[in-house]
Amino acid sequence: MHVLSLTVTALLASLNDVFARTTKCPYPTGAVKLLAKTSTIIVPSASEEDKAPRGFPIGCVNLGFVIQLWTNKTEPSSLMASMTWIAKEKMGTATPHIKMFPVGMLETNCVIALCPETREAIVFDPGGDAPRIIAAIEQLNAKVKYIIDTHGHPDHVLANQQVKERTGAKLGIHPLDAPMLRSAGPELTFWMTEPYQPATPDFYLNEGDKIEMGKVSFDVLHTPGHTPGHISLVTDEIAIVGDVLFFQGIGRTDFPGGSFQQLVQSIRTKLFTLSDSTKVYPGHGPATTIGDEKEYNPFVGRHAYL
């Protein structure tokens, strides 16, 4: 499920006309209620679409509003008596399907972002277990366009070369972290259980760049602190942040090139300016949201003790 929050700011006079013309929508045109406040809602993801009840049309309207639909029946129907629904205005970009799973000895989160319309994909931080990553790509029937490293630490790049050779994808990283792809010091490699295979980047990513796959576009944020060239990738209330921000934690800064001051600044001036509902996919551990970390993170949240 994707959990999103939107604020209803206006009412379209032609709302019922739109529903009347949306022949696939099974709900009566009068069964519409606009929520006049920010609401947390649940939207089936691409992988869950085939699990929807029969006749339940995923995305049957395209309005930039959160609407609540319910049937005009005394007894609940099989579709539920009251349902929360989102219909998003098409802005030329699609919301990616996200698959996150741990790889390697340190259980680094490898993230595959997939355009649901074109099946083009980006693999973020292939940190080992190349066969598992390749199996996930094949399971998604994905056409990998890019491999993106949020930073150059070995636990995030170990499978770069294998995935690159298998998929033909282009490899991108920030130029300040690119030297790490050629070699890594013993303080970073002593725990590795897989051979380190150097990989050559095909392009560099800097602050303000965009990386596109299919109808999905990610904005690049330079978020140093954990490493000098760390980047985060943001699209449509989704942030892939590597080892900058975790669920109730932050990245280490005691490795070469680390800076606690830079890390905190990156989080507070780059990530915390995103909407509270933005879902955060970190380099290790569970996903979280910007709002939760702004409120509860003990290092950089509202009640931080540092």
Protein backbone atom coordinates (compact mmCIF):
# COMPACT_ATOMS: atom_id res chain seq x y z
CA MET A 1 0.00 0.00 0.00
CA HIS A 2 1.02 3.58 -0.61
CA VAL A 3 -0.09 5.90 2.19
CA LEU A 4 -0.52 9.45 0.96
CA SER A 5 -1.90 12.68 2.33
CA LEU A 6 -3.44 15.43 0.25
CA THR A 7 -5.32 18.60 1.13
CA VAL A 8 -8.55 19.42 -0.67
CA THR A 9 -8.37 23.10 -1.58
CA ALA A 10 -11.22 23.59 -4.05
CA LEU A 11 -14.43 22.10 -5.35
CA LEU A 12 -14.96 21.59 -9.05
CA ALA A 13 -18.46 22.56 -10.12
CA SER A 14 -18.39 19.80 -12.72
CA LEU A 15 -17.48 17.01 -10.27
CA ASN A 16 -20.70 15.03 -10.71
CA ASP A 17 -20.51 15.48 -14.47
CA VAL A 18 -17.08 13.91 -14.42
CA PHE A 19 -18.40 10.94 -12.47
CA ALA A 20 -21.35 10.61 -14.82
CA ARG A 21 -18.94 10.45 -17.75
CA THR A 22 -16.63 7.97 -16.00
CA THR A 23 -18.46 4.85 -17.10
CA LYS A 24 -16.16 2.44 -15.30
CA CYS A 25 -16.80 3.96 -11.89
CA PRO A 26 -19.43 1.77 -10.17
CA TYR A 27 -20.52 4.35 -7.61
CA PRO A 28 -23.59 6.64 -7.96
CA THR A 29 -22.77 10.21 -8.92
CA GLY A 30 -24.33 11.53 -5.71
CA ALA A 31 -22.12 9.37 -3.53
CA VAL A 32 -19.26 11.84 -3.36
CA LYS A 33 -17.92 13.66 -0.35
CA LEU A 34 -14.91 15.93 -0.51
CA LEU A 35 -12.78 15.83 2.61
CA ALA A 36 -12.15 19.41 3.68
CA LYS A 37 -9.02 18.61 5.62
CA THR A 38 -5.79 16.72 5.21
CA SER A 39 -6.56 13.02 5.38
CA THR A 40 -4.42 9.93 5.49
CA ILE A 41 -5.58 7.51 2.87
CA ILE A 42 -4.59 4.16 1.48
CA VAL A 43 -4.07 3.56 -2.22
CA PRO A 44 -3.49 0.12 -3.75
CA SER A 45 -0.06 -0.06 -5.36
CA ALA A 46 0.60 -1.48 -8.80
CA SER A 47 1.47 -4.88 -7.40
CA GLU A 48 -1.78 -4.98 -5.43
CA GLU A 49 -4.02 -3.90 -8.28
CA ASP A 50 -4.93 -7.44 -9.23
CA LYS A 51 -6.06 -8.09 -5.67
CA ALA A 52 -8.80 -5.44 -5.79
CA PRO A 53 -12.40 -6.68 -5.52
CA ARG A 54 -14.06 -7.55 -8.80
CA GLY A 55 -15.37 -4.42 -10.45
CA PHE A 56 -13.22 -2.09 -8.33
CA PRO A 57 -11.54 0.18 -10.90
CA ILE A 58 -8.11 1.35 -9.78
CA GLY A 59 -7.93 5.06 -10.66
CA CYS A 60 -11.34 5.38 -12.28
CA VAL A 61 -11.17 9.20 -12.18
CA ASN A 62 -8.33 11.67 -12.55
CA LEU A 63 -9.03 14.60 -10.22
CA GLY A 64 -6.57 16.22 -7.86
CA PHE A 65 -8.78 15.59 -4.87
CA VAL A 66 -9.23 13.12 -2.09
CA ILE A 67 -12.81 11.91 -2.26
CA GLN A 68 -14.77 9.53 -0.14
CA LEU A 69 -17.18 7.22 -1.90
CA TRP A 70 -19.84 5.04 -0.44
CA THR A 71 -22.81 3.12 -1.82
CA ASN A 72 -26.39 4.24 -1.24
CA LYS A 73 -27.35 0.90 0.27
CA THR A 74 -28.50 0.04 3.77
CA GLU A 75 -26.27 -3.02 3.92
CA PRO A 76 -22.56 -2.85 3.08
CA SER A 77 -21.71 -4.16 -0.36
CA SER A 78 -18.80 -6.46 -1.07
CA LEU A 79 -16.81 -3.35 -1.92
CA MET A 80 -17.31 -2.07 1.66
CA ALA A 81 -19.97 0.42 2.73
CA SER A 82 -17.52 3.26 3.10
CA MET A 83 -14.27 3.54 1.17
CA THR A 84 -11.45 6.02 1.02
CA TRP A 85 -10.29 6.82 -2.45
CA ILE A 86 -7.77 8.98 -4.14
CA ALA A 87 -7.86 10.13 -7.73
CA LYS A 88 -4.76 12.01 -8.82
CA GLU A 89 -4.60 14.51 -11.61
CA LYS A 90 -2.21 13.33 -14.27
CA MET A 91 0.82 15.60 -14.25
CA GLY A 92 2.88 13.85 -16.90
CA THR A 93 4.67 11.68 -14.35
CA ALA A 94 3.68 8.37 -12.82
CA THR A 95 4.06 7.22 -9.24
CA PRO A 96 6.68 4.46 -9.18
CA HIS A 97 6.14 1.07 -7.68
CA ILE A 98 8.79 0.55 -4.99
CA LYS A 99 10.33 -2.76 -3.99
CA MET A 100 12.80 -2.59 -1.07
CA PHE A 101 14.67 -5.60 0.29
CA PRO A 102 17.88 -6.17 2.30
CA VAL A 103 21.04 -7.49 0.66
CA GLY A 104 24.57 -8.24 1.80
CA MET A 105 26.08 -8.88 5.20
CA LEU A 106 24.94 -5.51 6.58
CA GLU A 107 21.42 -5.92 5.17
CA THR A 108 21.60 -2.82 3.02
CA ASN A 109 18.26 -1.90 1.50
CA CYS A 110 18.35 -2.33 -2.25
CA VAL A 111 15.48 -0.38 -3.81
CA ILE A 112 13.96 -1.04 -7.22
CA ALA A 113 11.77 1.78 -8.51
CA LEU A 114 9.53 0.72 -11.38
CA CYS A 115 7.45 2.83 -13.75
CA PRO A 116 4.13 0.94 -13.76
CA GLU A 117 3.31 2.07 -17.30
CA THR A 118 6.55 1.37 -19.16
CA ARG A 119 8.22 -1.19 -16.82
CA GLU A 120 11.43 0.84 -16.94
CA ALA A 121 13.26 0.74 -13.63
CA ILE A 122 16.10 2.10 -11.54
CA VAL A 123 18.05 -0.06 -9.10
CA PHE A 124 19.29 1.95 -6.13
CA ASP A 125 22.17 0.72 -3.97
CA PRO A 126 22.79 -2.85 -5.16
CA GLY A 127 24.86 -3.70 -2.11
CA GLY A 128 25.49 -7.40 -2.68
CA ASP A 129 23.59 -10.64 -3.32
CA ALA A 130 23.54 -9.96 -7.06
CA PRO A 131 21.54 -13.14 -7.87
CA ARG A 132 18.79 -12.00 -5.52
CA ILE A 133 18.66 -8.55 -7.09
CA ILE A 134 18.55 -10.00 -10.60
CA ALA A 135 15.77 -12.38 -9.55
CA ALA A 136 13.76 -9.44 -8.22
CA ILE A 137 14.26 -7.56 -11.48
CA GLU A 138 13.03 -10.55 -13.46
CA GLN A 139 10.07 -11.07 -11.14
CA LEU A 140 9.00 -7.48 -11.76
CA ASN A 141 9.54 -7.89 -15.51
CA ALA A 142 11.56 -4.69 -15.24
CA LYS A 143 13.73 -3.07 -17.86
CA VAL A 144 16.51 -1.55 -15.78
CA LYS A 145 17.61 1.76 -17.26
CA TYR A 146 19.90 2.98 -14.49
CA ILE A 147 21.79 1.83 -11.43
CA ILE A 148 22.12 4.67 -8.92
CA ASP A 149 24.38 4.63 -5.87
CA THR A 150 23.29 7.01 -3.12
CA HIS A 151 26.93 6.92 -2.00
CA GLY A 152 30.08 4.91 -2.51
CA HIS A 153 30.38 2.74 0.59
CA PRO A 154 30.94 -0.92 -0.34
CA ASP A 155 27.79 -2.20 1.34
CA HIS A 156 25.80 -0.09 -1.13
CA VAL A 157 27.74 -0.86 -4.32
CA LEU A 158 29.01 -4.45 -4.14
CA ALA A 159 26.70 -5.74 -6.88
CA ASN A 160 27.10 -2.76 -9.22
CA GLN A 161 29.15 -4.59 -11.79
CA GLN A 162 27.12 -7.81 -11.82
CA VAL A 163 23.80 -6.00 -12.19
CA LYS A 164 25.30 -3.70 -14.82
CA GLU A 165 26.59 -6.62 -16.87
CA ARG A 166 23.29 -8.51 -16.61
CA THR A 167 20.96 -5.60 -17.44
CA GLY A 168 23.07 -3.25 -19.56
CA ALA A 169 22.00 -0.37 -17.28
CA LYS A 170 24.04 2.81 -16.91
CA LEU A 171 25.65 3.51 -13.53
CA GLY A 172 25.41 6.91 -11.84
CA ILE A 173 26.87 8.40 -8.66
CA HIS A 174 27.91 11.81 -7.32
CA PRO A 175 31.43 12.74 -8.52
CA LEU A 176 32.75 13.18 -4.96
CA ASP A 177 31.97 9.54 -4.15
CA ALA A 178 33.02 8.10 -7.51
CA PRO A 179 36.59 7.27 -6.36
CA MET A 180 35.11 4.80 -3.86
CA LEU A 181 33.88 2.67 -6.75
CA ARG A 182 37.45 1.98 -7.76
CA SER A 183 38.78 1.09 -4.34
CA ALA A 184 37.76 1.08 -0.69
CA GLY A 185 39.90 1.28 2.43
CA PRO A 186 40.24 -1.57 4.94
CA GLU A 187 38.03 0.25 7.45
CA LEU A 188 35.15 -0.25 5.00
CA THR A 189 35.96 -3.67 3.56
CA PHE A 190 37.19 -5.83 6.42
CA TRP A 191 33.68 -7.21 7.06
CA MET A 192 32.80 -7.94 3.42
CA THR A 193 31.96 -11.54 2.53
CA GLU A 194 31.82 -10.91 -1.23
CA PRO A 195 34.70 -9.90 -3.51
CA TYR A 196 34.83 -6.21 -4.29
CA GLN A 197 34.41 -5.68 -8.03
CA PRO A 198 35.26 -2.15 -9.13
CA ALA A 199 32.72 -0.51 -11.41
CA THR A 200 33.12 2.51 -13.65
CA PRO A 201 30.33 5.12 -13.50
CA ASP A 202 28.75 6.09 -16.79
CA PHE A 203 27.58 9.50 -15.59
CA TYR A 204 27.59 11.76 -12.55
CA LEU A 205 24.66 13.16 -10.59
CA ASN A 206 24.69 16.57 -8.91
CA GLU A 207 22.25 18.76 -6.99
CA GLY A 208 19.34 19.81 -9.21
CA ASP A 209 19.74 17.03 -11.77
CA LYS A 210 16.81 14.88 -12.82
CA ILE A 211 16.92 11.18 -13.59
CA GLU A 212 14.03 9.76 -15.62
CA MET A 213 12.72 6.28 -16.27
CA GLY A 214 9.54 5.90 -18.25
CA LYS A 215 7.07 8.45 -16.88
CA VAL A 216 8.82 8.75 -13.52
CA SER A 217 11.27 11.56 -12.78
CA PHE A 218 13.51 11.73 -9.69
CA ASP A 219 15.06 14.97 -8.45
CA VAL A 220 18.62 14.74 -7.16
CA LEU A 221 19.47 16.30 -3.79
CA HIS A 222 23.08 16.53 -2.64
CA THR A 223 22.89 15.42 1.00
CA PRO A 224 26.47 15.16 2.31
CA GLY A 225 27.46 14.24 5.84
CA HIS A 226 27.64 10.46 5.79
CA THR A 227 29.93 10.80 2.78
CA PRO A 228 30.95 13.93 0.83
CA GLY A 229 29.06 12.88 -2.29
CA HIS A 230 25.93 11.36 -0.78
CA ILE A 231 22.74 12.01 -2.75
CA SER A 232 19.04 11.49 -2.12
CA LEU A 233 16.45 10.93 -4.86
CA VAL A 234 12.94 12.35 -4.57
CA THR A 235 9.74 11.93 -6.56
CA ASP A 236 6.01 12.20 -5.85
CA GLU A 237 6.15 11.92 -2.04
CA ILE A 238 8.84 9.23 -2.18
CA ALA A 239 12.42 9.79 -1.00
CA ILE A 240 15.28 7.33 -1.37
CA VAL A 241 17.81 8.63 1.13
CA GLY A 242 20.57 6.04 1.57
CA ASP A 243 22.41 6.41 4.87
CA VAL A 244 21.44 10.00 5.68
CA LEU A 245 18.19 9.42 7.57
CA PHE A 246 16.78 6.27 9.16
CA PHE A 247 13.72 5.29 11.15
CA GLN A 248 14.46 7.19 14.38
CA GLY A 249 18.14 7.42 13.48
CA ILE A 250 20.73 9.15 11.32
CA GLY A 251 23.79 8.05 9.39
CA ARG A 252 27.23 7.55 10.88
CA THR A 253 29.75 10.34 10.42
CA ASP A 254 32.91 8.67 11.75
CA PHE A 255 34.03 7.27 8.39
CA PRO A 256 36.50 9.20 6.19
CA GLY A 257 34.79 12.26 4.73
CA GLY A 258 31.97 12.21 7.26
CA SER A 259 30.65 15.37 8.94
CA PHE A 260 28.00 15.49 11.63
CA GLN A 261 27.30 19.16 10.96
CA GLN A 262 26.82 18.52 7.25
CA LEU A 263 24.60 15.54 7.93
CA VAL A 264 22.25 17.46 10.22
CA GLN A 265 22.16 20.36 7.76
CA SER A 266 21.34 18.00 4.88
CA ILE A 267 18.45 16.51 6.80
CA ARG A 268 17.00 19.75 8.10
CA THR A 269 17.45 21.91 4.99
CA LYS A 270 16.87 19.31 2.26
CA LEU A 271 14.84 16.33 3.51
CA PHE A 272 12.75 18.06 6.17
CA THR A 273 11.51 20.57 3.58
CA LEU A 274 9.66 17.73 1.84
CA SER A 275 6.01 17.13 2.71
CA ASP A 276 5.34 15.30 5.97
CA SER A 277 3.63 12.49 4.08
CA THR A 278 6.74 11.74 1.99
CA LYS A 279 7.65 8.09 2.45
CA VAL A 280 11.33 7.59 3.21
CA TYR A 281 13.24 4.53 2.02
CA PRO A 282 16.51 4.45 3.98
CA GLY A 283 19.70 2.50 3.39
CA HIS A 284 19.06 0.20 6.35
CA GLY A 285 16.02 -0.71 8.42
CA PRO A 286 12.32 -0.04 7.87
CA ALA A 287 10.73 2.72 5.83
CA THR A 288 9.44 5.79 7.60
CA THR A 289 7.97 9.20 6.74
CA ILE A 290 9.33 12.72 6.86
CA GLY A 291 6.58 13.75 9.28
CA ASP A 292 7.38 10.98 11.74
CA GLU A 293 11.10 11.76 11.71
CA LYS A 294 10.51 15.50 12.13
CA GLU A 295 8.44 14.70 15.18
CA TYR A 296 10.11 11.70 16.79
CA ASN A 297 13.69 11.31 15.54
CA PRO A 298 15.86 11.60 18.68
CA PHE A 299 18.76 13.18 16.76
CA VAL A 300 17.11 15.68 14.44
CA GLY A 301 13.41 15.67 15.37
CA ARG A 302 11.39 18.26 17.24
CA HIS A 303 12.49 16.87 20.61
CA ALA A 304 16.08 16.07 19.59
CA TYR A 305 18.52 15.96 22.45
CA LEU A 306 21.56 16.80 20.30
